[in-house]
Each structure stands twice: as structure tokens, then as C-alpha cells.
C-alpha atoms as a PDB file:
ATOM      1  CA  MET A   1     -12.224  -4.695   7.429  1.00  0.00           C
ATOM      2  CA  GLN A   2     -13.279  -4.188   3.826  1.00  0.00           C
ATOM      3  CA  GLY A   3     -12.227  -1.940   0.984  1.00  0.00           C
ATOM      4  CA  GLY A   4     -12.330  -1.519  -2.743  1.00  0.00           C
ATOM      5  CA  CYS A   5     -11.630   0.565  -5.791  1.00  0.00           C
ATOM      6  CA  LEU A   6     -13.148   3.854  -6.937  1.00  0.00           C
ATOM      7  CA  CYS A   7     -15.711   2.319  -9.306  1.00  0.00           C
ATOM      8  CA  GLY A   8     -16.694  -0.499  -6.928  1.00  0.00           C
ATOM      9  CA  ALA A   9     -15.802  -3.336  -9.307  1.00  0.00           C
ATOM     10  CA  VAL A  10     -13.171  -4.705  -6.919  1.00  0.00           C
ATOM     11  CA  ARG A  11     -14.088  -5.361  -3.305  1.00  0.00           C
ATOM     12  CA  TYR A  12     -11.822  -7.072  -0.796  1.00  0.00           C
ATOM     13  CA  GLU A  13     -11.717  -8.029   2.857  1.00  0.00           C
ATOM     14  CA  VAL A  14      -8.902  -8.415   5.381  1.00  0.00           C
ATOM     15  CA  SER A  15      -9.601 -10.587   8.394  1.00  0.00           C
ATOM     16  CA  THR A  16      -6.798  -9.499  10.727  1.00  0.00           C
ATOM     17  CA  GLN A  17      -5.299  -6.305  12.070  1.00  0.00           C
ATOM     18  CA  PRO A  18      -2.473  -4.815   9.996  1.00  0.00           C
ATOM     19  CA  ILE A  19       1.075  -5.932  10.745  1.00  0.00           C
ATOM     20  CA  THR A  20       2.458  -2.472  10.048  1.00  0.00           C
ATOM     21  CA  ILE A  21       1.409   0.695   8.236  1.00  0.00           C
ATOM     22  CA  ALA A  22       3.924   2.701   6.221  1.00  0.00           C
ATOM     23  CA  ASN A  23       4.034   5.952   4.289  1.00  0.00           C
ATOM     24  CA  CYS A  24       6.247   5.303   1.261  1.00  0.00           C
ATOM     25  CA  HIS A  25       7.887   8.361  -0.289  1.00  0.00           C
ATOM     26  CA  CYS A  26       9.682   6.596  -3.170  1.00  0.00           C
ATOM     27  CA  GLY A  27       9.240   7.843  -6.702  1.00  0.00           C
ATOM     28  CA  MET A  28       7.589   4.609  -7.859  1.00  0.00           C
ATOM     29  CA  CYS A  29       4.837   4.890  -5.230  1.00  0.00           C
ATOM     30  CA  ARG A  30       4.311   8.547  -6.149  1.00  0.00           C
ATOM     31  CA  ARG A  31       3.875   7.636  -9.816  1.00  0.00           C
ATOM     32  CA  HIS A  32       1.693   4.608  -9.032  1.00  0.00           C
ATOM     33  CA  SER A  33      -0.680   6.670  -6.908  1.00  0.00           C
ATOM     34  CA  GLY A  34      -0.376  10.149  -8.401  1.00  0.00           C
ATOM     35  CA  ALA A  35       0.064  11.408  -4.822  1.00  0.00           C
ATOM     36  CA  ALA A  36       2.947  12.897  -2.842  1.00  0.00           C
ATOM     37  CA  PHE A  37       3.362   9.568  -1.009  1.00  0.00           C
ATOM     38  CA  LEU A  38       1.418   6.344  -0.659  1.00  0.00           C
ATOM     39  CA  THR A  39       0.300   4.774   2.609  1.00  0.00           C
ATOM     40  CA  TYR A  40       0.177   0.983   2.750  1.00  0.00           C
ATOM     41  CA  ALA A  41      -1.136  -1.357   5.448  1.00  0.00           C
ATOM     42  CA  ALA A  42       0.551  -4.773   5.523  1.00  0.00           C
ATOM     43  CA  TYR A  43      -1.582  -7.834   6.203  1.00  0.00           C
ATOM     44  CA  ALA A  44      -0.872 -11.548   6.222  1.00  0.00           C
ATOM     45  CA  THR A  45      -1.469 -12.736   2.656  1.00  0.00           C
ATOM     46  CA  ASN A  46      -3.828 -15.473   3.853  1.00  0.00           C
ATOM     47  CA  ALA A  47      -5.972 -12.811   5.607  1.00  0.00           C
ATOM     48  CA  PHE A  48      -6.654 -10.968   2.317  1.00  0.00           C
ATOM     49  CA  GLU A  49      -9.572 -12.072   0.141  1.00  0.00           C
ATOM     50  CA  ILE A  50     -11.040 -10.641  -3.061  1.00  0.00           C
ATOM     51  CA  LEU A  51     -14.826 -10.542  -2.664  1.00  0.00           C
ATOM     52  CA  SER A  52     -15.665  -9.302  -6.171  1.00  0.00           C
ATOM     53  CA  GLY A  53     -13.898  -8.193  -9.313  1.00  0.00           C
ATOM     54  CA  ARG A  54     -10.366  -8.932 -10.346  1.00  0.00           C
ATOM     55  CA  LEU A  55      -6.996  -7.347  -9.717  1.00  0.00           C
ATOM     56  CA  THR A  56      -4.780  -6.499 -12.661  1.00  0.00           C
ATOM     57  CA  LYS A  57      -1.140  -7.041 -11.729  1.00  0.00           C
ATOM     58  CA  TYR A  58       1.821  -5.000 -12.884  1.00  0.00           C
ATOM     59  CA  ARG A  59       5.461  -5.918 -12.252  1.00  0.00           C
ATOM     60  CA  SER A  60       6.894  -2.535 -11.294  1.00  0.00           C
ATOM     61  CA  SER A  61      10.427  -3.804 -10.579  1.00  0.00           C
ATOM     62  CA  ASN A  62      12.472  -6.997 -10.377  1.00  0.00           C
ATOM     63  CA  ASP A  63      11.356  -7.333  -6.741  1.00  0.00           C
ATOM     64  CA  ALA A  64       7.732  -6.244  -6.612  1.00  0.00           C
ATOM     65  CA  VAL A  65       4.257  -6.476  -8.125  1.00  0.00           C
ATOM     66  CA  ARG A  66       1.534  -3.835  -7.818  1.00  0.00           C
ATOM     67  CA  SER A  67      -2.138  -4.320  -8.572  1.00  0.00           C
ATOM     68  CA  HIS A  68      -5.024  -2.109  -9.576  1.00  0.00           C
ATOM     69  CA  CYS A  69      -8.627  -2.315 -10.721  1.00  0.00           C
ATOM     70  CA  GLN A  70      -8.791  -3.094 -14.430  1.00  0.00           C
ATOM     71  CA  SER A  71     -11.811  -0.792 -14.851  1.00  0.00           C
ATOM     72  CA  CYS A  72     -10.953   2.414 -12.956  1.00  0.00           C
ATOM     73  CA  GLY A  73      -7.214   1.980 -12.346  1.00  0.00           C
ATOM     74  CA  SER A  74      -7.346   2.473  -8.571  1.00  0.00           C
ATOM     75  CA  PRO A  75      -4.091   1.221  -6.995  1.00  0.00           C
ATOM     76  CA  LEU A  76      -4.931  -1.523  -4.481  1.00  0.00           C
ATOM     77  CA  THR A  77      -1.999  -3.750  -3.483  1.00  0.00           C
ATOM     78  CA  PHE A  78       1.747  -4.180  -3.493  1.00  0.00           C
ATOM     79  CA  SER A  79       3.796  -7.294  -2.771  1.00  0.00           C
ATOM     80  CA  PHE A  80       7.477  -8.167  -2.548  1.00  0.00           C
ATOM     81  CA  ASP A  81       8.652 -11.359  -4.254  1.00  0.00           C
ATOM     82  CA  ALA A  82      10.982 -12.010  -1.306  1.00  0.00           C
ATOM     83  CA  ASP A  83       8.143 -11.950   1.246  1.00  0.00           C
ATOM     84  CA  GLU A  84       4.995 -13.643   0.000  1.00  0.00           C
ATOM     85  CA  SER A  85       3.670 -13.852   3.565  1.00  0.00           C
ATOM     86  CA  LYS A  86       2.492 -10.202   3.400  1.00  0.00           C
ATOM     87  CA  ILE A  87       0.332  -8.171   1.070  1.00  0.00           C
ATOM     88  CA  TRP A  88       0.435  -4.386   1.290  1.00  0.00           C
ATOM     89  CA  VAL A  89      -2.979  -2.769   0.771  1.00  0.00           C
ATOM     90  CA  THR A  90      -3.334   0.900  -0.142  1.00  0.00           C
ATOM     91  CA  ALA A  91      -4.744   2.505   2.995  1.00  0.00           C
ATOM     92  CA  GLY A  92      -6.893   4.907   0.972  1.00  0.00           C
ATOM     93  CA  SER A  93      -8.792   1.980  -0.560  1.00  0.00           C
ATOM     94  CA  LEU A  94     -10.006   0.781   2.854  1.00  0.00           C
ATOM     95  CA  ASP A  95     -13.609   1.670   3.703  1.00  0.00           C
ATOM     96  CA  ASN A  96     -12.463   2.861   7.144  1.00  0.00           C
ATOM     97  CA  ALA A  97      -9.029   4.262   6.294  1.00  0.00           C
ATOM     98  CA  ASP A  98      -9.108   6.307   9.502  1.00  0.00           C
ATOM     99  CA  ASP A  99      -8.693   3.026  11.406  1.00  0.00           C
ATOM    100  CA  VAL A 100      -5.152   2.551  10.080  1.00  0.00           C
ATOM    101  CA  LYS A 101      -2.577   5.044  11.286  1.00  0.00           C
ATOM    102  CA  PRO A 102       0.964   5.033   9.864  1.00  0.00           C
ATOM    103  CA  THR A 103       3.703   3.666  12.100  1.00  0.00           C
ATOM    104  CA  GLU A 104       6.685   4.349   9.843  1.00  0.00           C
ATOM    105  CA  ASN A 105       8.061   6.287   6.870  1.00  0.00           C
ATOM    106  CA  TRP A 106      10.052   4.707   4.045  1.00  0.00           C
ATOM    107  CA  TYR A 107      12.378   6.390   1.532  1.00  0.00           C
ATOM    108  CA  VAL A 108      12.416   9.723   3.345  1.00  0.00           C
ATOM    109  CA  ASP A 109      15.519  10.683   1.332  1.00  0.00           C
ATOM    110  CA  ASP A 110      13.255  10.617  -1.755  1.00  0.00           C
ATOM    111  CA  LYS A 111      10.369  12.606  -0.270  1.00  0.00           C
ATOM    112  CA  LEU A 112       9.202  15.813  -1.868  1.00  0.00           C
ATOM    113  CA  ASP A 113      10.764  18.881  -0.269  1.00  0.00           C
ATOM    114  CA  TRP A 114       7.402  20.290   0.839  1.00  0.00           C
ATOM    115  CA  ILE A 115       6.410  17.136   2.764  1.00  0.00           C
ATOM    116  CA  GLU A 116       6.909  17.287   6.549  1.00  0.00           C
ATOM    117  CA  VAL A 117       7.679  13.848   7.986  1.00  0.00           C
ATOM    118  CA  ASP A 118       6.131  13.011  11.351  1.00  0.00           C
ATOM    119  CA  LEU A 119       9.233  12.600  13.521  1.00  0.00           C
ATOM    120  CA  ARG A 120       7.309  10.436  16.023  1.00  0.00           C
ATOM    121  CA  LEU A 121       7.241   7.639  13.455  1.00  0.00           C
ATOM    122  CA  SER A 122      10.122   5.287  12.674  1.00  0.00           C
ATOM    123  CA  SER A 123      11.769   6.547   9.481  1.00  0.00           C
ATOM    124  CA  TRP A 124      14.320   5.176   7.061  1.00  0.00           C
ATOM    125  CA  PRO A 125      16.253   6.923   4.275  1.00  0.00           C
ATOM    126  CA  GLY A 126      15.358   4.012   1.960  1.00  0.00           C
ATOM    127  CA  ALA A 127      13.734   0.657   2.517  1.00  0.00           C
ATOM    128  CA  PRO A 128      13.358  -0.431   6.153  1.00  0.00           C
ATOM    129  CA  PRO A 129      15.607  -3.192   7.449  1.00  0.00           C
ATOM    130  CA  ASN A 130      14.116  -6.673   7.125  1.00  0.00           C
END
């Protein structure tokens, strides 16, 4: 599966199926994306490859790094320092985003009041248990 940023400068490929797919409702993800929540698909880090362009990294907290395209600013990845085995890719940056369906909700206690959480999905008030 391939994906990329808005301007096309960054293109990437993932060579496996996602491990999990999560809607994150935390305030940091809202600010990073400019959206009401951000959906990420987790892949094994060694299954993720940049095909063209370069990611600009931003340390958003003591525990995590986010990346975006240096040209257009599209948010592309997220990673936890404590788990370098996974890279979280923004689902909206995938060419076939319809192929990844969320399996869980994170930080539902922080969600915007007008968001309805799908109760069929696993949900946590904050971060999911490890």
C-alpha cells in the first residue's frame, strides 16, 4: 500500500497489513491535523519505506515524534520512543484510505462533545493499555 502528502513531494510504501488502526481524540492530534480527531494505522517500522522526498520530524512530547512533509506540511507519521517497532501512519495520507478501518478509539475523554464514538470499537478514556 502506498501513500503520500498533499503536494506529492513525499511518497511512501508499507509492505504489510496494519497491526491496528486507531482514532485518536487527544488535543495534540487535533492540533497536529487540524481535524476533530486523527486516524492512524500502525505498521511494523521495517515495513515502512520512504520512496521519495523527506520527512521533517517534530518532537511533540517527551515520548513521541511526529513527522510531516517539509513542503506542504501534511502530517504523515507518529512514533513512540518506547516502541520503535511500530510507526503510525496517518490514514488520510494513504492512497486507499478506505482499505483501513478503525478498530479502536483513544482518549475518548478528550473528544469534542459533538463527536459520536462508534461503540462497536474498543475505546479507552486515555491511552490504550500496552
